[in-house]
Amino acid sequence: MRDAKWADLLRQANNGHRDAYIAFLKQVAPVLRGVIQARSGGRHEDCEDILQNVLIAIHEKRHTWRENEPVSAWLYAIARYKTIDALRKSGRSRTTAFDGEEAQVADDNVIDPTAARDLDVLLTRLDDTSAAIVRQIKLQGLTAEEVGAQLNMTPGAVRVALHRAMTRLSAAVAEDDPETANQKAPT
């Protein structure tokens, strides 16, 4: 019901009806504020800044909304991306409340710059073919069939090679872990 009303207002706004546009923004702003607060867990002032950026993006991109698709999904996507952008720019992680206490949750979209270097060092422990298979399947998301075609291997052989490579990598990580090494040392 709400989505149909928003769609009607945005359709009118896109046809030049100023009052419909004002009514549309007044109705969606409180809902978007709640979405932003839930996603960011931030202070009220931060959420208001993000909301303003979302409303500007809606204004600039309102012509991109497809009238046969739900308005709410389009709005929520804009709010989600603007919230992520704001958190990334501020270098913050999301904060989520659990039973009245706040706990920091790592931002899914922030990549640890040392992770790629560590992975490259770890992959040097594998032969070139195994390292290529791990990179292509686990990092690039290719299928065993696609990798097999590139490496002139059957998909089954690629899956076996991947399993063996991952086993070797797990063993290498366990060797490098001081706690694991101490547990294995004879007493």
C-alpha atoms as a PDB file:
ATOM      1  CA  MET A   1       0.000   0.000   0.000  1.00  0.00           C
ATOM      2  CA  ARG A   2       2.719   2.453   1.033  1.00  0.00           C
ATOM      3  CA  ASP A   3       4.846   1.503  -1.983  1.00  0.00           C
ATOM      4  CA  ALA A   4       1.920   2.159  -4.347  1.00  0.00           C
ATOM      5  CA  LYS A   5       1.343   5.580  -2.778  1.00  0.00           C
ATOM      6  CA  TRP A   6       5.037   6.456  -3.018  1.00  0.00           C
ATOM      7  CA  ALA A   7       5.107   5.260  -6.626  1.00  0.00           C
ATOM      8  CA  ASP A   8       2.143   7.463  -7.482  1.00  0.00           C
ATOM      9  CA  LEU A   9       3.722  10.501  -5.826  1.00  0.00           C
ATOM     10  CA  LEU A  10       7.096   9.952  -7.497  1.00  0.00           C
ATOM     11  CA  ARG A  11       5.443   9.395 -10.864  1.00  0.00           C
ATOM     12  CA  GLN A  12       3.616  12.733 -10.455  1.00  0.00           C
ATOM     13  CA  ALA A  13       6.818  14.425  -9.260  1.00  0.00           C
ATOM     14  CA  ASN A  14       8.702  13.163 -12.293  1.00  0.00           C
ATOM     15  CA  ASN A  15       5.956  14.716 -14.417  1.00  0.00           C
ATOM     16  CA  GLY A  16       6.578  18.111 -12.823  1.00  0.00           C
ATOM     17  CA  HIS A  17       4.134  18.207  -9.915  1.00  0.00           C
ATOM     18  CA  ARG A  18       5.987  20.074  -7.174  1.00  0.00           C
ATOM     19  CA  ASP A  19       3.440  19.371  -4.415  1.00  0.00           C
ATOM     20  CA  ALA A  20       3.597  15.632  -5.119  1.00  0.00           C
ATOM     21  CA  TYR A  21       7.385  15.756  -4.851  1.00  0.00           C
ATOM     22  CA  ILE A  22       7.235  17.563  -1.499  1.00  0.00           C
ATOM     23  CA  ALA A  23       4.684  15.035  -0.207  1.00  0.00           C
ATOM     24  CA  PHE A  24       6.872  12.162  -1.470  1.00  0.00           C
ATOM     25  CA  LEU A  25       9.959  13.473   0.350  1.00  0.00           C
ATOM     26  CA  LYS A  26       7.999  14.117   3.566  1.00  0.00           C
ATOM     27  CA  GLN A  27       6.738  10.529   3.553  1.00  0.00           C
ATOM     28  CA  VAL A  28       9.987   8.758   2.687  1.00  0.00           C
ATOM     29  CA  ALA A  29      12.389  10.809   4.848  1.00  0.00           C
ATOM     30  CA  PRO A  30      11.335   9.339   8.240  1.00  0.00           C
ATOM     31  CA  VAL A  31      11.447   5.794   6.858  1.00  0.00           C
ATOM     32  CA  LEU A  32      14.881   6.352   5.318  1.00  0.00           C
ATOM     33  CA  ARG A  33      16.107   7.900   8.586  1.00  0.00           C
ATOM     34  CA  GLY A  34      15.207   4.646  10.343  1.00  0.00           C
ATOM     35  CA  VAL A  35      16.947   2.560   7.688  1.00  0.00           C
ATOM     36  CA  ILE A  36      20.085   4.698   7.979  1.00  0.00           C
ATOM     37  CA  GLN A  37      20.114   4.552  11.780  1.00  0.00           C
ATOM     38  CA  ALA A  38      19.714   0.778  11.710  1.00  0.00           C
ATOM     39  CA  ARG A  39      22.518   0.326   9.187  1.00  0.00           C
ATOM     40  CA  SER A  40      24.983   2.776  10.671  1.00  0.00           C
ATOM     41  CA  GLY A  41      24.289   2.580  14.389  1.00  0.00           C
ATOM     42  CA  GLY A  42      25.678   6.096  14.393  1.00  0.00           C
ATOM     43  CA  ARG A  43      24.921   9.272  16.234  1.00  0.00           C
ATOM     44  CA  HIS A  44      21.836  11.263  15.323  1.00  0.00           C
ATOM     45  CA  GLU A  45      23.916  14.012  13.671  1.00  0.00           C
ATOM     46  CA  ASP A  46      25.750  11.498  11.465  1.00  0.00           C
ATOM     47  CA  CYS A  47      22.467   9.912  10.425  1.00  0.00           C
ATOM     48  CA  GLU A  48      21.029  13.299   9.504  1.00  0.00           C
ATOM     49  CA  ASP A  49      24.067  14.035   7.312  1.00  0.00           C
ATOM     50  CA  ILE A  50      23.686  10.692   5.580  1.00  0.00           C
ATOM     51  CA  LEU A  51      19.940  11.289   5.167  1.00  0.00           C
ATOM     52  CA  GLN A  52      20.647  14.610   3.443  1.00  0.00           C
ATOM     53  CA  ASN A  53      23.043  12.840   1.067  1.00  0.00           C
ATOM     54  CA  VAL A  54      20.396  10.202   0.377  1.00  0.00           C
ATOM     55  CA  LEU A  55      17.744  12.837  -0.354  1.00  0.00           C
ATOM     56  CA  ILE A  56      20.125  14.653  -2.713  1.00  0.00           C
ATOM     57  CA  ALA A  57      20.872  11.364  -4.497  1.00  0.00           C
ATOM     58  CA  ILE A  58      17.141  10.666  -4.812  1.00  0.00           C
ATOM     59  CA  HIS A  59      16.630  14.119  -6.302  1.00  0.00           C
ATOM     60  CA  GLU A  60      19.494  13.701  -8.755  1.00  0.00           C
ATOM     61  CA  LYS A  61      18.585  10.137  -9.734  1.00  0.00           C
ATOM     62  CA  ARG A  62      14.804  10.138  -9.549  1.00  0.00           C
ATOM     63  CA  HIS A  63      14.607   9.796 -13.324  1.00  0.00           C
ATOM     64  CA  THR A  64      16.356   6.401 -13.028  1.00  0.00           C
ATOM     65  CA  TRP A  65      13.494   4.808 -11.082  1.00  0.00           C
ATOM     66  CA  ARG A  66      11.674   2.300 -13.286  1.00  0.00           C
ATOM     67  CA  GLU A  67       7.954   2.784 -12.831  1.00  0.00           C
ATOM     68  CA  ASN A  68       7.237  -0.946 -13.038  1.00  0.00           C
ATOM     69  CA  GLU A  69       9.541  -1.668 -10.053  1.00  0.00           C
ATOM     70  CA  PRO A  70       8.890  -1.006  -6.353  1.00  0.00           C
ATOM     71  CA  VAL A  71       9.935   2.448  -5.189  1.00  0.00           C
ATOM     72  CA  SER A  72      10.909   1.192  -1.747  1.00  0.00           C
ATOM     73  CA  ALA A  73      13.567  -1.179  -3.104  1.00  0.00           C
ATOM     74  CA  TRP A  74      15.048   1.662  -5.158  1.00  0.00           C
ATOM     75  CA  LEU A  75      15.020   3.989  -2.126  1.00  0.00           C
ATOM     76  CA  TYR A  76      16.509   1.407   0.234  1.00  0.00           C
ATOM     77  CA  ALA A  77      19.315   0.663  -2.216  1.00  0.00           C
ATOM     78  CA  ILE A  78      20.241   4.346  -2.373  1.00  0.00           C
ATOM     79  CA  ALA A  79      20.127   4.595   1.430  1.00  0.00           C
ATOM     80  CA  ARG A  80      22.243   1.465   1.829  1.00  0.00           C
ATOM     81  CA  TYR A  81      24.952   2.638  -0.587  1.00  0.00           C
ATOM     82  CA  LYS A  82      25.086   6.170   0.810  1.00  0.00           C
ATOM     83  CA  THR A  83      25.352   4.794   4.354  1.00  0.00           C
ATOM     84  CA  ILE A  84      28.178   2.454   3.350  1.00  0.00           C
ATOM     85  CA  ASP A  85      29.950   5.317   1.562  1.00  0.00           C
ATOM     86  CA  ALA A  86      29.663   7.544   4.634  1.00  0.00           C
ATOM     87  CA  LEU A  87      30.972   4.839   6.968  1.00  0.00           C
ATOM     88  CA  ARG A  88      33.839   4.086   4.618  1.00  0.00           C
ATOM     89  CA  LYS A  89      34.793   7.767   4.352  1.00  0.00           C
ATOM     90  CA  SER A  90      34.749   8.207   8.103  1.00  0.00           C
ATOM     91  CA  GLY A  91      36.765   5.026   8.614  1.00  0.00           C
ATOM     92  CA  ARG A  92      34.188   3.712  11.051  1.00  0.00           C
ATOM     93  CA  SER A  93      32.693   0.320  11.458  1.00  0.00           C
ATOM     94  CA  ARG A  94      29.035  -0.363  12.068  1.00  0.00           C
ATOM     95  CA  THR A  95      27.878  -0.459  15.657  1.00  0.00           C
ATOM     96  CA  THR A  96      25.170  -2.909  16.602  1.00  0.00           C
ATOM     97  CA  ALA A  97      23.344  -3.031  19.923  1.00  0.00           C
ATOM     98  CA  PHE A  98      22.999  -6.391  21.636  1.00  0.00           C
ATOM     99  CA  ASP A  99      20.849  -6.488  24.776  1.00  0.00           C
ATOM    100  CA  GLY A 100      21.439  -2.824  25.485  1.00  0.00           C
ATOM    101  CA  GLU A 101      25.204  -3.015  25.109  1.00  0.00           C
ATOM    102  CA  GLU A 102      27.017  -1.912  22.002  1.00  0.00           C
ATOM    103  CA  ALA A 103      29.463  -4.125  20.208  1.00  0.00           C
ATOM    104  CA  GLN A 104      31.620  -3.164  17.250  1.00  0.00           C
ATOM    105  CA  VAL A 105      30.953  -5.112  14.075  1.00  0.00           C
ATOM    106  CA  ALA A 106      33.545  -4.964  11.333  1.00  0.00           C
ATOM    107  CA  ASP A 107      32.416  -3.169   8.200  1.00  0.00           C
ATOM    108  CA  ASP A 108      31.982  -5.820   5.487  1.00  0.00           C
ATOM    109  CA  ASN A 109      33.115  -3.432   2.805  1.00  0.00           C
ATOM    110  CA  VAL A 110      36.443  -2.385   4.295  1.00  0.00           C
ATOM    111  CA  ILE A 111      39.288  -4.571   3.099  1.00  0.00           C
ATOM    112  CA  ASP A 112      42.371  -5.067   5.256  1.00  0.00           C
ATOM    113  CA  PRO A 113      45.291  -3.944   3.067  1.00  0.00           C
ATOM    114  CA  THR A 114      47.603  -6.521   4.637  1.00  0.00           C
ATOM    115  CA  ALA A 115      45.292  -9.411   3.779  1.00  0.00           C
ATOM    116  CA  ALA A 116      46.203  -9.419   0.070  1.00  0.00           C
ATOM    117  CA  ARG A 117      49.925  -9.381   0.900  1.00  0.00           C
ATOM    118  CA  ASP A 118      49.525 -12.195   3.429  1.00  0.00           C
ATOM    119  CA  LEU A 119      47.527 -14.236   0.942  1.00  0.00           C
ATOM    120  CA  ASP A 120      50.166 -13.739  -1.759  1.00  0.00           C
ATOM    121  CA  VAL A 121      52.877 -14.928   0.662  1.00  0.00           C
ATOM    122  CA  LEU A 122      50.775 -17.934   1.612  1.00  0.00           C
ATOM    123  CA  LEU A 123      50.080 -18.846  -2.012  1.00  0.00           C
ATOM    124  CA  THR A 124      53.823 -18.953  -2.748  1.00  0.00           C
ATOM    125  CA  ARG A 125      53.837 -22.218  -0.762  1.00  0.00           C
ATOM    126  CA  LEU A 126      51.800 -23.814  -3.548  1.00  0.00           C
ATOM    127  CA  ASP A 127      52.836 -24.779  -7.037  1.00  0.00           C
ATOM    128  CA  ASP A 128      51.813 -22.329  -9.767  1.00  0.00           C
ATOM    129  CA  THR A 129      48.833 -24.379 -10.974  1.00  0.00           C
ATOM    130  CA  SER A 130      47.408 -24.871  -7.481  1.00  0.00           C
ATOM    131  CA  ALA A 131      47.870 -21.186  -6.652  1.00  0.00           C
ATOM    132  CA  ALA A 132      46.123 -20.208  -9.906  1.00  0.00           C
ATOM    133  CA  ILE A 133      43.205 -22.528  -9.111  1.00  0.00           C
ATOM    134  CA  VAL A 134      42.803 -21.061  -5.612  1.00  0.00           C
ATOM    135  CA  ARG A 135      42.948 -17.490  -6.945  1.00  0.00           C
ATOM    136  CA  GLN A 136      40.492 -18.106  -9.756  1.00  0.00           C
ATOM    137  CA  ILE A 137      37.907 -20.119  -7.824  1.00  0.00           C
ATOM    138  CA  LYS A 138      38.123 -18.697  -4.310  1.00  0.00           C
ATOM    139  CA  LEU A 139      38.991 -15.075  -5.094  1.00  0.00           C
ATOM    140  CA  GLN A 140      37.629 -14.428  -8.570  1.00  0.00           C
ATOM    141  CA  GLY A 141      34.570 -16.684  -8.274  1.00  0.00           C
ATOM    142  CA  LEU A 142      35.141 -18.726 -11.419  1.00  0.00           C
ATOM    143  CA  THR A 143      33.677 -22.220 -11.694  1.00  0.00           C
ATOM    144  CA  ALA A 144      35.693 -25.433 -11.905  1.00  0.00           C
ATOM    145  CA  GLU A 145      34.545 -25.734 -15.519  1.00  0.00           C
ATOM    146  CA  GLU A 146      35.866 -22.264 -16.404  1.00  0.00           C
ATOM    147  CA  VAL A 147      39.192 -22.836 -14.659  1.00  0.00           C
ATOM    148  CA  GLY A 148      39.501 -26.304 -16.195  1.00  0.00           C
ATOM    149  CA  ALA A 149      39.026 -24.861 -19.677  1.00  0.00           C
ATOM    150  CA  GLN A 150      41.800 -22.322 -19.045  1.00  0.00           C
ATOM    151  CA  LEU A 151      44.215 -24.851 -17.536  1.00  0.00           C
ATOM    152  CA  ASN A 152      43.324 -27.768 -19.854  1.00  0.00           C
ATOM    153  CA  MET A 153      42.010 -29.842 -16.934  1.00  0.00           C
ATOM    154  CA  THR A 154      38.715 -31.601 -16.332  1.00  0.00           C
ATOM    155  CA  PRO A 155      36.375 -29.910 -13.847  1.00  0.00           C
ATOM    156  CA  GLY A 156      36.757 -32.901 -11.533  1.00  0.00           C
ATOM    157  CA  ALA A 157      40.550 -32.611 -11.606  1.00  0.00           C
ATOM    158  CA  VAL A 158      40.238 -28.888 -10.805  1.00  0.00           C
ATOM    159  CA  ARG A 159      38.027 -29.626  -7.781  1.00  0.00           C
ATOM    160  CA  VAL A 160      40.461 -32.273  -6.511  1.00  0.00           C
ATOM    161  CA  ALA A 161      43.409 -29.902  -7.008  1.00  0.00           C
ATOM    162  CA  LEU A 162      41.513 -27.130  -5.205  1.00  0.00           C
ATOM    163  CA  HIS A 163      40.727 -29.401  -2.258  1.00  0.00           C
ATOM    164  CA  ARG A 164      44.348 -30.491  -1.986  1.00  0.00           C
ATOM    165  CA  ALA A 165      45.597 -26.895  -2.276  1.00  0.00           C
ATOM    166  CA  MET A 166      43.241 -25.728   0.462  1.00  0.00           C
ATOM    167  CA  THR A 167      44.397 -28.601   2.688  1.00  0.00           C
ATOM    168  CA  ARG A 168      48.040 -27.569   2.152  1.00  0.00           C
ATOM    169  CA  LEU A 169      47.189 -23.928   2.879  1.00  0.00           C
ATOM    170  CA  SER A 170      45.384 -24.896   6.097  1.00  0.00           C
ATOM    171  CA  ALA A 171      48.398 -26.913   7.191  1.00  0.00           C
ATOM    172  CA  ALA A 172      50.724 -23.995   6.366  1.00  0.00           C
ATOM    173  CA  VAL A 173      48.610 -21.607   8.428  1.00  0.00           C
ATOM    174  CA  ALA A 174      48.585 -24.071  11.335  1.00  0.00           C
ATOM    175  CA  GLU A 175      52.402 -24.323  11.158  1.00  0.00           C
ATOM    176  CA  ASP A 176      52.700 -20.525  11.306  1.00  0.00           C
ATOM    177  CA  ASP A 177      50.320 -20.163  14.254  1.00  0.00           C
ATOM    178  CA  PRO A 178      52.369 -19.988  17.498  1.00  0.00           C
ATOM    179  CA  GLU A 179      49.513 -21.359  19.613  1.00  0.00           C
ATOM    180  CA  THR A 180      49.083 -24.370  17.336  1.00  0.00           C
ATOM    181  CA  ALA A 181      52.842 -24.921  17.194  1.00  0.00           C
ATOM    182  CA  ASN A 182      53.082 -24.874  21.014  1.00  0.00           C
ATOM    183  CA  GLN A 183      50.282 -27.400  21.306  1.00  0.00           C
ATOM    184  CA  LYS A 184      52.099 -29.795  18.968  1.00  0.00           C
ATOM    185  CA  ALA A 185      55.468 -29.451  20.677  1.00  0.00           C
ATOM    186  CA  PRO A 186      56.450 -32.414  22.849  1.00  0.00           C
ATOM    187  CA  THR A 187      56.565 -31.776  26.582  1.00  0.00           C
END
